[in-house]
Amino acid sequence: MNDAAVLKTVAWPEQTKARSVVQGYTASARGELSLTPGQKVMVLDEDSSGWCRGLCLASGSEGWFPLTYIADA
């Protein structure tokens, strides 16, 4: 089983939900996460500026991206 498959089987806290990427985003700085429509991400942290830190379930990559680019799955 690869790392991405393992991430999908983790028992996440109840308040952590998988969300769907609805708009593509290209990371422009170190620590950001590029997104592709249709991917699933777990939001790990949100800040008051509208950005969140998340984990891409397909790749296992982690980083920051705009919250408006995702929706509840």
Protein backbone atom coordinates (compact mmCIF):
# COMPACT_ATOMS: atom_id res chain seq x y z
CA MET A 1 0.00 0.00 0.00
CA ASN A 2 1.48 3.41 -0.96
CA ASP A 3 1.51 6.50 1.28
CA ALA A 4 -1.46 8.12 -0.46
CA ALA A 5 -3.56 4.97 0.10
CA VAL A 6 -2.57 4.91 3.76
CA LEU A 7 -3.62 8.54 4.18
CA LYS A 8 -7.10 7.63 2.93
CA THR A 9 -7.50 5.05 5.71
CA VAL A 10 -6.47 7.28 8.63
CA ALA A 11 -9.18 7.88 11.26
CA TRP A 12 -9.41 11.69 11.08
CA PRO A 13 -10.99 13.70 13.92
CA GLU A 14 -14.73 14.24 13.41
CA GLN A 15 -14.31 17.97 12.62
CA THR A 16 -11.84 17.16 9.82
CA LYS A 17 -13.63 16.40 6.57
CA ALA A 18 -12.49 15.56 3.09
CA ARG A 19 -13.26 18.44 0.77
CA SER A 20 -13.33 18.57 -3.02
CA VAL A 21 -11.21 20.95 -5.07
CA VAL A 22 -13.57 22.99 -7.28
CA GLN A 23 -11.05 25.33 -8.90
CA GLY A 24 -7.44 24.77 -9.89
CA TYR A 25 -4.71 26.63 -8.02
CA THR A 26 -1.03 26.84 -8.86
CA ALA A 27 1.27 27.29 -5.87
CA SER A 28 3.29 30.48 -6.20
CA ALA A 29 5.37 30.34 -3.01
CA ARG A 30 7.16 27.76 -0.93
CA GLY A 31 4.76 26.01 1.43
CA GLU A 32 1.74 26.36 -0.86
CA LEU A 33 -0.16 23.42 -2.35
CA SER A 34 -1.18 23.27 -6.02
CA LEU A 35 -4.73 22.00 -6.52
CA THR A 36 -6.47 20.27 -9.43
CA PRO A 37 -10.28 20.23 -9.74
CA GLY A 38 -11.73 16.95 -8.51
CA GLN A 39 -8.93 16.20 -6.01
CA LYS A 40 -9.85 15.51 -2.39
CA VAL A 41 -8.06 17.38 0.39
CA MET A 42 -8.21 17.26 4.16
CA VAL A 43 -8.21 20.71 5.76
CA LEU A 44 -5.80 20.64 8.68
CA ASP A 45 -5.82 24.32 9.67
CA GLU A 46 -7.58 27.55 8.65
CA ASP A 47 -6.56 31.14 9.26
CA SER A 48 -8.59 34.35 9.33
CA SER A 49 -7.22 35.57 5.98
CA GLY A 50 -9.09 32.90 4.01
CA TRP A 51 -6.21 30.47 3.57
CA CYS A 52 -6.03 26.93 4.87
CA ARG A 53 -3.37 24.26 5.26
CA GLY A 54 -4.37 20.95 3.83
CA LEU A 55 -3.30 17.52 2.72
CA CYS A 56 -3.94 16.22 -0.79
CA LEU A 57 -5.23 12.67 -0.45
CA ALA A 58 -4.03 11.65 -3.93
CA SER A 59 -0.40 12.70 -3.55
CA GLY A 60 0.15 13.04 0.20
CA SER A 61 1.45 16.59 -0.37
CA GLU A 62 0.72 19.24 2.24
CA GLY A 63 0.59 23.01 2.00
CA TRP A 64 -1.40 26.25 2.09
CA PHE A 65 -4.08 27.27 -0.44
CA PRO A 66 -7.09 29.61 -0.65
CA LEU A 67 -10.15 28.23 1.13
CA THR A 68 -12.43 29.43 -1.68
CA TYR A 69 -10.94 26.84 -4.07
CA ILE A 70 -12.55 23.91 -2.20
CA ALA A 71 -16.07 22.85 -1.19
CA ASP A 72 -17.59 20.21 1.07
CA ALA A 73 -17.32 16.81 -0.58
